[in-house]
C-alpha atoms as a PDB file:
ATOM      1  CA  MET A   1      -8.212 -17.261 -12.922  1.00  0.00           C
ATOM      2  CA  PHE A   2      -6.324 -15.155 -10.394  1.00  0.00           C
ATOM      3  CA  SER A   3      -5.865 -16.229  -6.842  1.00  0.00           C
ATOM      4  CA  ALA A   4      -7.798 -14.135  -4.061  1.00  0.00           C
ATOM      5  CA  LYS A   5      -4.753 -12.091  -3.516  1.00  0.00           C
ATOM      6  CA  ARG A   6      -4.287  -9.109  -5.796  1.00  0.00           C
ATOM      7  CA  ILE A   7      -1.215  -7.025  -6.823  1.00  0.00           C
ATOM      8  CA  LEU A   8      -2.944  -3.680  -6.904  1.00  0.00           C
ATOM      9  CA  LEU A   9      -3.821  -2.548  -3.406  1.00  0.00           C
ATOM     10  CA  MET A  10      -5.513   0.968  -2.728  1.00  0.00           C
ATOM     11  CA  ASP A  11      -3.301   3.814  -1.190  1.00  0.00           C
ATOM     12  CA  CYS A  12      -6.412   6.252  -0.638  1.00  0.00           C
ATOM     13  CA  ASP A  13      -7.626   6.278  -4.136  1.00  0.00           C
ATOM     14  CA  CYS A  14      -4.672   5.128  -5.952  1.00  0.00           C
ATOM     15  CA  PRO A  15      -4.145   1.525  -7.419  1.00  0.00           C
ATOM     16  CA  SER A  16      -0.727   0.981  -5.524  1.00  0.00           C
ATOM     17  CA  ILE A  17       2.066  -1.984  -5.549  1.00  0.00           C
ATOM     18  CA  TYR A  18       3.137  -2.993  -1.859  1.00  0.00           C
ATOM     19  CA  MET A  19       6.297  -5.009  -1.445  1.00  0.00           C
ATOM     20  CA  PRO A  20       7.472  -6.532   2.014  1.00  0.00           C
ATOM     21  CA  ILE A  21       9.818  -4.166   3.713  1.00  0.00           C
ATOM     22  CA  GLY A  22      12.873  -5.194   5.458  1.00  0.00           C
ATOM     23  CA  ASN A  23      16.010  -6.725   4.631  1.00  0.00           C
ATOM     24  CA  PRO A  24      15.913  -9.238   1.805  1.00  0.00           C
ATOM     25  CA  LYS A  25      17.807 -11.777   3.734  1.00  0.00           C
ATOM     26  CA  ASP A  26      14.764 -11.831   5.996  1.00  0.00           C
ATOM     27  CA  GLY A  27      12.274 -11.822   3.032  1.00  0.00           C
ATOM     28  CA  GLY A  28      12.161  -8.175   2.571  1.00  0.00           C
ATOM     29  CA  SER A  29      12.781  -5.910  -0.511  1.00  0.00           C
ATOM     30  CA  CYS A  30      14.729  -3.016   0.873  1.00  0.00           C
ATOM     31  CA  ALA A  31      18.068  -3.666  -0.207  1.00  0.00           C
ATOM     32  CA  PHE A  32      19.125  -0.056  -0.204  1.00  0.00           C
ATOM     33  CA  SER A  33      16.967   1.471   2.743  1.00  0.00           C
ATOM     34  CA  SER A  34      18.612   4.061   5.148  1.00  0.00           C
ATOM     35  CA  LYS A  35      18.463   3.761   8.673  1.00  0.00           C
ATOM     36  CA  LYS A  36      16.015   6.492   8.851  1.00  0.00           C
ATOM     37  CA  CYS A  37      13.662   5.198   5.901  1.00  0.00           C
ATOM     38  CA  ARG A  38      13.227   2.080   8.416  1.00  0.00           C
ATOM     39  CA  GLU A  39      12.808   4.126  11.385  1.00  0.00           C
ATOM     40  CA  PHE A  40       9.947   6.221   9.822  1.00  0.00           C
ATOM     41  CA  CYS A  41       8.507   3.787   7.524  1.00  0.00           C
ATOM     42  CA  PRO A  42       4.853   4.063   7.618  1.00  0.00           C
ATOM     43  CA  SER A  43       4.314   0.323   7.275  1.00  0.00           C
ATOM     44  CA  GLY A  44       5.322   0.173  11.165  1.00  0.00           C
ATOM     45  CA  LEU A  45       7.747  -2.410  10.028  1.00  0.00           C
ATOM     46  CA  VAL A  46       5.115  -4.992   9.631  1.00  0.00           C
ATOM     47  CA  THR A  47       4.501  -7.142   6.651  1.00  0.00           C
ATOM     48  CA  ASN A  48       1.571  -8.963   5.641  1.00  0.00           C
ATOM     49  CA  ASN A  49       0.979 -12.203   3.495  1.00  0.00           C
ATOM     50  CA  THR A  50      -0.378 -10.252   0.511  1.00  0.00           C
ATOM     51  CA  GLU A  51       2.993  -8.245   0.254  1.00  0.00           C
ATOM     52  CA  LYS A  52       4.909 -11.483   0.382  1.00  0.00           C
ATOM     53  CA  PHE A  53       2.781 -12.745  -2.341  1.00  0.00           C
ATOM     54  CA  VAL A  54       3.365 -10.094  -4.524  1.00  0.00           C
ATOM     55  CA  LEU A  55       7.234 -10.360  -4.007  1.00  0.00           C
ATOM     56  CA  GLU A  56       7.158 -14.115  -4.883  1.00  0.00           C
ATOM     57  CA  TYR A  57       4.864 -13.743  -7.871  1.00  0.00           C
ATOM     58  CA  PHE A  58       7.275 -11.133  -9.209  1.00  0.00           C
ATOM     59  CA  LYS A  59      10.149 -13.587  -8.629  1.00  0.00           C
ATOM     60  CA  ARG A  60       8.338 -16.543 -10.306  1.00  0.00           C
ATOM     61  CA  GLU A  61       6.674 -15.226 -13.284  1.00  0.00           C
ATOM     62  CA  ASP A  62       8.028 -13.544 -16.358  1.00  0.00           C
ATOM     63  CA  ALA A  63       7.491  -9.968 -17.234  1.00  0.00           C
ATOM     64  CA  LYS A  64       4.729 -10.183 -19.531  1.00  0.00           C
ATOM     65  CA  THR A  65       2.639 -12.456 -17.265  1.00  0.00           C
ATOM     66  CA  ILE A  66       3.107  -9.755 -14.519  1.00  0.00           C
ATOM     67  CA  ALA A  67       2.337  -6.817 -16.874  1.00  0.00           C
ATOM     68  CA  ASP A  68      -0.859  -8.720 -18.267  1.00  0.00           C
ATOM     69  CA  ARG A  69      -2.268  -9.288 -14.574  1.00  0.00           C
ATOM     70  CA  ILE A  70      -1.422  -5.578 -13.609  1.00  0.00           C
ATOM     71  CA  TYR A  71      -3.379  -4.336 -16.472  1.00  0.00           C
ATOM     72  CA  THR A  72      -6.158  -6.680 -15.815  1.00  0.00           C
ATOM     73  CA  GLU A  73      -6.507  -5.615 -12.137  1.00  0.00           C
ATOM     74  CA  PHE A  74      -6.145  -2.002 -13.185  1.00  0.00           C
ATOM     75  CA  LEU A  75      -8.993  -2.038 -15.682  1.00  0.00           C
ATOM     76  CA  ASP A  76     -11.012  -3.710 -12.912  1.00  0.00           C
ATOM     77  CA  ILE A  77     -10.313  -0.690 -10.349  1.00  0.00           C
ATOM     78  CA  MET A  78     -11.034   1.723 -13.248  1.00  0.00           C
ATOM     79  CA  ARG A  79     -14.646   0.632 -12.584  1.00  0.00           C
ATOM     80  CA  ASN A  80     -14.529   2.737  -9.544  1.00  0.00           C
ATOM     81  CA  PRO A  81     -14.884   6.295 -10.491  1.00  0.00           C
ATOM     82  CA  ARG A  82     -13.382   7.657  -7.756  1.00  0.00           C
ATOM     83  CA  ALA A  83     -10.166   5.633  -8.392  1.00  0.00           C
ATOM     84  CA  GLU A  84      -7.073   7.475  -9.589  1.00  0.00           C
ATOM     85  CA  LYS A  85      -6.449   6.489 -13.080  1.00  0.00           C
ATOM     86  CA  MET A  86      -2.736   5.567 -12.569  1.00  0.00           C
ATOM     87  CA  ILE A  87      -0.430   3.060 -10.686  1.00  0.00           C
ATOM     88  CA  GLN A  88       2.082   3.950  -7.704  1.00  0.00           C
ATOM     89  CA  TRP A  89       4.994   1.860  -7.277  1.00  0.00           C
ATOM     90  CA  TRP A  90       6.373   0.843  -3.929  1.00  0.00           C
ATOM     91  CA  THR A  91       3.912   2.803  -1.608  1.00  0.00           C
ATOM     92  CA  TRP A  92       6.419   0.823   0.657  1.00  0.00           C
ATOM     93  CA  GLY A  93       8.877  -1.585  -0.077  1.00  0.00           C
ATOM     94  CA  ASP A  94      11.259  -1.674  -3.016  1.00  0.00           C
ATOM     95  CA  CYS A  95      12.710  -3.231  -6.322  1.00  0.00           C
ATOM     96  CA  LEU A  96      14.941  -5.900  -5.494  1.00  0.00           C
ATOM     97  CA  PRO A  97      18.290  -5.645  -7.493  1.00  0.00           C
ATOM     98  CA  GLU A  98      17.787  -9.062  -9.169  1.00  0.00           C
ATOM     99  CA  LEU A  99      14.380  -7.938 -10.162  1.00  0.00           C
ATOM    100  CA  THR A 100      15.524  -4.766 -11.703  1.00  0.00           C
ATOM    101  CA  GLY A 101      15.417  -5.930 -15.479  1.00  0.00           C
ATOM    102  CA  LYS A 102      12.205  -7.525 -15.148  1.00  0.00           C
ATOM    103  CA  THR A 103      10.533  -4.508 -13.554  1.00  0.00           C
ATOM    104  CA  VAL A 104      11.732  -2.208 -16.191  1.00  0.00           C
ATOM    105  CA  LYS A 105      10.008  -4.281 -18.630  1.00  0.00           C
ATOM    106  CA  ILE A 106       6.904  -4.529 -16.613  1.00  0.00           C
ATOM    107  CA  ILE A 107       6.719  -0.756 -16.185  1.00  0.00           C
ATOM    108  CA  LEU A 108       7.449   0.228 -19.881  1.00  0.00           C
ATOM    109  CA  ASN A 109       4.988  -2.777 -21.174  1.00  0.00           C
ATOM    110  CA  LEU A 110       2.025  -0.928 -18.757  1.00  0.00           C
ATOM    111  CA  ASN A 111       3.327   2.473 -20.518  1.00  0.00           C
ATOM    112  CA  THR A 112       2.625   0.964 -23.883  1.00  0.00           C
ATOM    113  CA  ARG A 113      -0.715   0.654 -22.819  1.00  0.00           C
ATOM    114  CA  GLY A 114      -1.389   4.182 -21.670  1.00  0.00           C
ATOM    115  CA  VAL A 115      -1.263   3.593 -18.007  1.00  0.00           C
ATOM    116  CA  PRO A 116       0.264   6.619 -16.173  1.00  0.00           C
ATOM    117  CA  GLN A 117       2.678   5.376 -13.553  1.00  0.00           C
ATOM    118  CA  TYR A 118       4.917   6.886 -10.689  1.00  0.00           C
ATOM    119  CA  GLY A 119       6.525   5.901  -7.660  1.00  0.00           C
ATOM    120  CA  PHE A 120       9.731   5.874  -5.515  1.00  0.00           C
ATOM    121  CA  THR A 121      12.588   3.458  -5.459  1.00  0.00           C
ATOM    122  CA  ARG A 122      16.384   3.669  -3.856  1.00  0.00           C
ATOM    123  CA  ASN A 123      17.268   1.107  -6.550  1.00  0.00           C
ATOM    124  CA  LYS A 124      19.758   3.520  -8.614  1.00  0.00           C
ATOM    125  CA  LYS A 125      20.064   1.094 -11.433  1.00  0.00           C
ATOM    126  CA  LEU A 126      16.515   0.943 -11.995  1.00  0.00           C
ATOM    127  CA  TRP A 127      15.998   4.608 -11.859  1.00  0.00           C
ATOM    128  CA  ASP A 128      18.882   5.171 -14.357  1.00  0.00           C
ATOM    129  CA  ILE A 129      17.411   2.930 -16.897  1.00  0.00           C
ATOM    130  CA  LEU A 130      13.901   3.844 -16.552  1.00  0.00           C
ATOM    131  CA  PRO A 131      13.211   6.501 -19.151  1.00  0.00           C
ATOM    132  CA  CYS A 132      11.047   9.781 -17.870  1.00  0.00           C
ATOM    133  CA  TYR A 133       7.745  10.651 -20.008  1.00  0.00           C
ATOM    134  CA  HIS A 134       4.865  12.750 -19.425  1.00  0.00           C
ATOM    135  CA  ASN A 135       2.767  10.137 -17.683  1.00  0.00           C
ATOM    136  CA  LEU A 136       6.005   7.979 -16.232  1.00  0.00           C
ATOM    137  CA  HIS A 137       7.909   9.403 -13.473  1.00  0.00           C
ATOM    138  CA  ILE A 138       9.757   7.286 -11.133  1.00  0.00           C
ATOM    139  CA  GLY A 139      11.811   8.964  -8.407  1.00  0.00           C
ATOM    140  CA  LEU A 140      15.127   8.032  -6.879  1.00  0.00           C
ATOM    141  CA  THR A 141      14.731   8.497  -2.816  1.00  0.00           C
ATOM    142  CA  VAL A 142      17.859  10.468  -1.449  1.00  0.00           C
ATOM    143  CA  ASP A 143      17.783  11.344   1.964  1.00  0.00           C
ATOM    144  CA  ASN A 144      20.337  14.154   1.800  1.00  0.00           C
ATOM    145  CA  ILE A 145      19.028  17.482   0.235  1.00  0.00           C
ATOM    146  CA  ASP A 146      22.204  18.688  -0.827  1.00  0.00           C
ATOM    147  CA  GLU A 147      22.981  15.482  -2.731  1.00  0.00           C
ATOM    148  CA  ALA A 148      19.358  15.507  -3.914  1.00  0.00           C
ATOM    149  CA  LEU A 149      19.601  19.005  -5.454  1.00  0.00           C
ATOM    150  CA  LYS A 150      22.893  18.199  -6.958  1.00  0.00           C
ATOM    151  CA  LEU A 151      21.949  15.061  -8.764  1.00  0.00           C
ATOM    152  CA  SER A 152      18.680  16.550  -9.948  1.00  0.00           C
ATOM    153  CA  THR A 153      20.645  19.487 -11.662  1.00  0.00           C
ATOM    154  CA  ILE A 154      22.134  16.594 -13.842  1.00  0.00           C
ATOM    155  CA  SER A 155      19.097  14.748 -14.925  1.00  0.00           C
ATOM    156  CA  HIS A 156      15.424  15.607 -15.889  1.00  0.00           C
ATOM    157  CA  LYS A 157      14.092  13.082 -13.907  1.00  0.00           C
ATOM    158  CA  MET A 158      12.653  13.064 -10.388  1.00  0.00           C
ATOM    159  CA  ILE A 159      14.495  13.108  -7.189  1.00  0.00           C
ATOM    160  CA  ALA A 160      12.580  12.615  -3.707  1.00  0.00           C
ATOM    161  CA  CYS A 161      13.990  13.899  -0.765  1.00  0.00           C
ATOM    162  CA  PRO A 162      11.926  12.736   2.532  1.00  0.00           C
ATOM    163  CA  ASP A 163      11.376  15.450   5.127  1.00  0.00           C
ATOM    164  CA  TYR A 164      10.917  12.756   8.113  1.00  0.00           C
ATOM    165  CA  GLU A 165       9.955  15.201  10.790  1.00  0.00           C
ATOM    166  CA  THR A 166       6.633  16.848   8.686  1.00  0.00           C
ATOM    167  CA  GLY A 167       5.782  13.472   6.851  1.00  0.00           C
ATOM    168  CA  TYR A 168       6.384  15.258   3.192  1.00  0.00           C
ATOM    169  CA  ALA A 169       8.312  13.950   0.329  1.00  0.00           C
ATOM    170  CA  GLN A 170      10.024  16.745  -1.656  1.00  0.00           C
ATOM    171  CA  MET A 171       9.833  16.389  -5.543  1.00  0.00           C
ATOM    172  CA  ILE A 172      13.014  17.821  -6.632  1.00  0.00           C
ATOM    173  CA  PHE A 173      13.374  18.696 -10.675  1.00  0.00           C
ATOM    174  CA  THR A 174      16.354  20.329 -12.208  1.00  0.00           C
ATOM    175  CA  GLY A 175      17.854  21.440  -9.099  1.00  0.00           C
ATOM    176  CA  LYS A 176      14.799  22.860  -7.342  1.00  0.00           C
ATOM    177  CA  ILE A 177      11.910  21.452  -5.005  1.00  0.00           C
ATOM    178  CA  ARG A 178       9.038  21.713  -7.251  1.00  0.00           C
ATOM    179  CA  ALA A 179       6.258  20.010  -4.741  1.00  0.00           C
ATOM    180  CA  ARG A 180       5.754  18.487  -1.193  1.00  0.00           C
ATOM    181  CA  CYS A 181       3.455  15.797  -0.743  1.00  0.00           C
ATOM    182  CA  SER A 182       2.206  13.874   2.249  1.00  0.00           C
ATOM    183  CA  GLY A 183       0.021  11.679   0.286  1.00  0.00           C
ATOM    184  CA  TRP A 184      -2.917  13.893   1.970  1.00  0.00           C
ATOM    185  CA  TRP A 185      -1.896  17.084   1.176  1.00  0.00           C
ATOM    186  CA  CYS A 186       0.008  18.152  -1.876  1.00  0.00           C
ATOM    187  CA  ILE A 187       1.912  21.682  -2.290  1.00  0.00           C
ATOM    188  CA  THR A 188       2.802  22.695  -5.836  1.00  0.00           C
ATOM    189  CA  GLU A 189       4.149  25.764  -7.635  1.00  0.00           C
ATOM    190  CA  GLU A 190       1.001  25.826  -9.936  1.00  0.00           C
ATOM    191  CA  ALA A 191      -1.705  25.300  -7.318  1.00  0.00           C
ATOM    192  CA  GLY A 192      -0.343  25.982  -3.898  1.00  0.00           C
ATOM    193  CA  GLU A 193      -1.523  23.721  -1.161  1.00  0.00           C
ATOM    194  CA  ARG A 194      -4.569  21.470  -1.623  1.00  0.00           C
ATOM    195  CA  ASN A 195      -5.877  17.823  -0.889  1.00  0.00           C
ATOM    196  CA  SER A 196      -3.819  15.374  -2.822  1.00  0.00           C
ATOM    197  CA  ASN A 197      -5.003  14.914  -6.218  1.00  0.00           C
ATOM    198  CA  CYS A 198      -2.786  12.779  -8.365  1.00  0.00           C
ATOM    199  CA  THR A 199      -4.719  13.167 -11.389  1.00  0.00           C
ATOM    200  CA  GLN A 200      -4.780  16.824 -11.179  1.00  0.00           C
ATOM    201  CA  CYS A 201      -1.073  16.735 -10.991  1.00  0.00           C
ATOM    202  CA  LEU A 202      -0.838  14.488 -13.991  1.00  0.00           C
ATOM    203  CA  ALA A 203      -3.200  16.969 -15.944  1.00  0.00           C
ATOM    204  CA  GLU A 204      -1.147  19.956 -14.850  1.00  0.00           C
ATOM    205  CA  GLY A 205       2.191  18.399 -15.277  1.00  0.00           C
ATOM    206  CA  SER A 206       3.114  19.260 -11.679  1.00  0.00           C
ATOM    207  CA  GLY A 207       3.790  17.285  -8.551  1.00  0.00           C
ATOM    208  CA  CYS A 208       5.303  13.968  -9.103  1.00  0.00           C
ATOM    209  CA  TYR A 209       4.695  14.633 -12.834  1.00  0.00           C
ATOM    210  CA  TYR A 210       6.296  18.045 -13.171  1.00  0.00           C
ATOM    211  CA  ARG A 211       7.395  18.621 -16.825  1.00  0.00           C
END
């Protein structure tokens, strides 16, 4: 059976995957982080043993084993009626370059089982490879708003541009900011400003699930 540590932790009511922050040379997972990203990271640049366990587990086990475990944990969490019925990738931390192929397999495995997923990465190779489905949106984080808008015009996928001063992430699709979300408040074209409700965004095709 599983160890006491879990892969899925809760970010508000959303089952989420955290990786240790920091330089990979120091045991972190942030191979592509920017100076501002590190400065404003909500982790406070503190890593705990659970996050270290998750990264080591991803390095050690094969994609199917990891996907099976995540799915089992997800079903267990779904017993809580308040839990968002989806998975958020990299609440902080990121996908290491050497884990790109394995992580793609895990995400697609969970997708075939009907698990909605979203998240944010600076690993462009991962973002390039992953498809964008109605219930699977992984955003590429780009700090420069002009670059983000330009990149989004040539892709149907989500670009996330952080507004560090306000604490909102700007969700960009097809050359336009479609939503802004802080994790507590979400502003979308469809519903205006409201408490963040990922399930509602999934149902509407808005926010991180814009289509």
